[in-house]
Amino acid sequence: MRQRNIKNLEERISENSRLLIDDPRGCRGHWNEIFGNSNPIYLEIGCGKGKFITGLAAAFTGRNYIAIEGQSSVVLRALEKAEEQQLGNLRIFIDYVNDLSDYFSHGELSGIYLNFCDPWPKARHAKRRLTYHTRLKNYMQVLGEDGFIEFKTDNDGLFEFTLEEIRTAGLEIAEMTRDLHGGPVGEYSAISRKFMTEYEEKFSSQGKNINFVRI
């Protein structure tokens, strides 16, 4: 979705840059030092306007959170939300990520969230999907022993693709549901449905099923 132009975008980002990381690659292996504690670190790839990640950071103050977003016009709202809530356990950086090991060392993360990512519907673009099996394997490289990946989407086709990619990557599903907000939930999905993205809130209110899987 094309984002509208925002007047004085760079200036507004600068005014809300306390939690913005300018050199995320330079933080590799040192993220706990950035946060100033040894709390576990969780990452959301593609945070959008930040409703999900700021909600988690506000609720779980004993955890550290990092959000990545490629579009400056979108990340501005995430930065503003974080500042409004005075969150000290959240950091954000602007980039389009290909290899997470450029930013994080082995085992540095405790969990990764993928929410409503671009489905790239054309078959020739399958490798661009964030749940393509080589990407899943890449995520696992920076996760600790008990680390997890959680994925949510309203796109049923992308969800079926993701389940197949999980199998191709040799990973195990800990929990899944094809109707996060309408069907029975387990331990992990019960928590996930309490923290919605902007898209999730919109689609679920319209009766669209939300798919969830944790690996």
Foldseek 3Di string as FASTA:
>chain_A
DDDDDDPPLVVLCVVLCPQEDPCLLVCAVPVCVVLVHDAAEEEEEACFLQQQPLVVQLVCVSHAYEYEHADSVRCSNNSVSCVVSVRSRYHYYHDDDDACNSRYAFQRHQEYEYEADDLPPDPVCLVVDCLALVNVVRVNRRHHPNHKYKYKHLDPVSVVVNVVSCVVNVHDWPDWDQALPPDDGDDVSVVVVVRDGPVRVVQVVVVRGMIMTMD
